[in-house]
Structure formats: structure tokens, C-alpha cells
Amino acid sequence: MAEVPNAQRMWRKSSVSGATECVEIAPDAAGVLIRDSKRPEGGLIPVATGAWTALIGDIKTGRITPA
């Protein structure tokens, strides 16, 4: 599978992001990518599908809370 350039990914901003502190995610073949919107071409954090699903589940159930 060919690598998708960051500019062509479907980035979504966190609903709890501030005006200058934005976290964005985009689907990836192995899971999701996380980035800081102020650095769109660098500092990508890959997260496997299982780990992402577990994180979202823990947030939704209140097991962990976003800071």
C-alpha cells in the first residue's frame, strides 16, 4: 500500500482542543496517526488499532479522563 501524504489524510481535530492547542487524528492502515496541528508535517505518533480502541473505550467509560 502506498504511503498517503499528510496533506491528503482526513485529519480530525479533537473536540476538546483549544484555539492554539490542537490535537488531530487521521486513520492509517495500521490504526491512527496523532499530530499537533501546529506541526502538521512532523511529530506524527502512530497508534495501533487495538490500542486506540482501548483508549477510546477507557475514556468513554470514565476509566480515564482527558486532561
C-alpha atoms as a PDB file:
ATOM      1  CA  MET A   1       0.000   0.000   0.000  1.00  0.00           C
ATOM      2  CA  ALA A   2       1.371   3.413  -0.965  1.00  0.00           C
ATOM      3  CA  GLU A   3       2.047   5.952   1.775  1.00  0.00           C
ATOM      4  CA  VAL A   4      -0.547   8.746   1.922  1.00  0.00           C
ATOM      5  CA  PRO A   5       0.918  12.272   2.239  1.00  0.00           C
ATOM      6  CA  ASN A   6      -0.178  14.072   5.422  1.00  0.00           C
ATOM      7  CA  ALA A   7      -1.858  16.838   3.410  1.00  0.00           C
ATOM      8  CA  GLN A   8      -4.156  14.241   1.796  1.00  0.00           C
ATOM      9  CA  ARG A   9      -5.176  12.478   5.016  1.00  0.00           C
ATOM     10  CA  MET A  10      -8.588  13.097   6.567  1.00  0.00           C
ATOM     11  CA  TRP A  11      -7.434  14.858   9.764  1.00  0.00           C
ATOM     12  CA  ARG A  12      -9.978  15.448  12.553  1.00  0.00           C
ATOM     13  CA  LYS A  13      -9.453  17.915  15.396  1.00  0.00           C
ATOM     14  CA  SER A  14     -10.178  16.918  18.973  1.00  0.00           C
ATOM     15  CA  SER A  15     -13.424  18.380  20.299  1.00  0.00           C
ATOM     16  CA  VAL A  16     -11.583  19.469  23.464  1.00  0.00           C
ATOM     17  CA  SER A  17      -8.746  21.259  21.659  1.00  0.00           C
ATOM     18  CA  GLY A  18      -8.185  24.913  22.418  1.00  0.00           C
ATOM     19  CA  ALA A  19      -7.633  27.738  19.968  1.00  0.00           C
ATOM     20  CA  THR A  20      -3.868  27.147  19.823  1.00  0.00           C
ATOM     21  CA  GLU A  21      -3.502  23.692  21.392  1.00  0.00           C
ATOM     22  CA  CYS A  22      -4.966  21.314  18.823  1.00  0.00           C
ATOM     23  CA  VAL A  23      -4.600  17.555  18.642  1.00  0.00           C
ATOM     24  CA  GLU A  24      -5.614  15.912  15.385  1.00  0.00           C
ATOM     25  CA  ILE A  25      -6.045  12.289  14.348  1.00  0.00           C
ATOM     26  CA  ALA A  26      -6.249  10.562  10.973  1.00  0.00           C
ATOM     27  CA  PRO A  27      -6.926   6.951  10.005  1.00  0.00           C
ATOM     28  CA  ASP A  28      -3.911   4.934   8.906  1.00  0.00           C
ATOM     29  CA  ALA A  29      -3.510   1.410   7.540  1.00  0.00           C
ATOM     30  CA  ALA A  30      -2.257   0.197  10.957  1.00  0.00           C
ATOM     31  CA  GLY A  31      -4.577   2.302  13.148  1.00  0.00           C
ATOM     32  CA  VAL A  32      -4.467   6.068  13.592  1.00  0.00           C
ATOM     33  CA  LEU A  33      -1.897   8.839  13.473  1.00  0.00           C
ATOM     34  CA  ILE A  34      -1.858  11.623  16.056  1.00  0.00           C
ATOM     35  CA  ARG A  35      -0.303  15.039  15.444  1.00  0.00           C
ATOM     36  CA  ASP A  36      -0.051  18.542  16.852  1.00  0.00           C
ATOM     37  CA  SER A  37      -1.799  20.870  14.396  1.00  0.00           C
ATOM     38  CA  LYS A  38       0.981  23.444  14.825  1.00  0.00           C
ATOM     39  CA  ARG A  39       3.436  20.866  13.371  1.00  0.00           C
ATOM     40  CA  PRO A  40       1.424  19.220  10.575  1.00  0.00           C
ATOM     41  CA  GLU A  41       4.406  17.633   8.804  1.00  0.00           C
ATOM     42  CA  GLY A  42       6.306  16.376  11.819  1.00  0.00           C
ATOM     43  CA  GLY A  43       5.967  14.595  15.098  1.00  0.00           C
ATOM     44  CA  LEU A  44       3.373  12.029  13.987  1.00  0.00           C
ATOM     45  CA  ILE A  45       2.559   9.401  16.602  1.00  0.00           C
ATOM     46  CA  PRO A  46       1.302   6.089  15.187  1.00  0.00           C
ATOM     47  CA  VAL A  47      -1.158   4.152  17.365  1.00  0.00           C
ATOM     48  CA  ALA A  48      -2.250   0.586  16.562  1.00  0.00           C
ATOM     49  CA  THR A  49      -5.969  -0.069  16.111  1.00  0.00           C
ATOM     50  CA  GLY A  50      -6.273  -2.189  19.274  1.00  0.00           C
ATOM     51  CA  ALA A  51      -4.531   0.395  21.452  1.00  0.00           C
ATOM     52  CA  TRP A  52      -6.662   3.216  20.024  1.00  0.00           C
ATOM     53  CA  THR A  53      -9.885   1.258  20.565  1.00  0.00           C
ATOM     54  CA  ALA A  54      -8.880   0.512  24.173  1.00  0.00           C
ATOM     55  CA  LEU A  55      -8.033   4.178  24.822  1.00  0.00           C
ATOM     56  CA  ILE A  56     -11.336   5.442  23.434  1.00  0.00           C
ATOM     57  CA  GLY A  57     -13.224   2.773  25.403  1.00  0.00           C
ATOM     58  CA  ASP A  58     -11.498   3.809  28.638  1.00  0.00           C
ATOM     59  CA  ILE A  59     -12.344   7.466  28.001  1.00  0.00           C
ATOM     60  CA  LYS A  60     -15.994   6.713  27.200  1.00  0.00           C
ATOM     61  CA  THR A  61     -16.455   4.609  30.346  1.00  0.00           C
ATOM     62  CA  GLY A  62     -14.738   7.196  32.547  1.00  0.00           C
ATOM     63  CA  ARG A  63     -11.875   4.890  33.464  1.00  0.00           C
ATOM     64  CA  ILE A  64      -9.535   7.655  32.367  1.00  0.00           C
ATOM     65  CA  THR A  65     -10.309  11.302  31.730  1.00  0.00           C
ATOM     66  CA  PRO A  66      -8.611  13.640  29.262  1.00  0.00           C
ATOM     67  CA  ALA A  67      -6.622  16.399  30.925  1.00  0.00           C
END
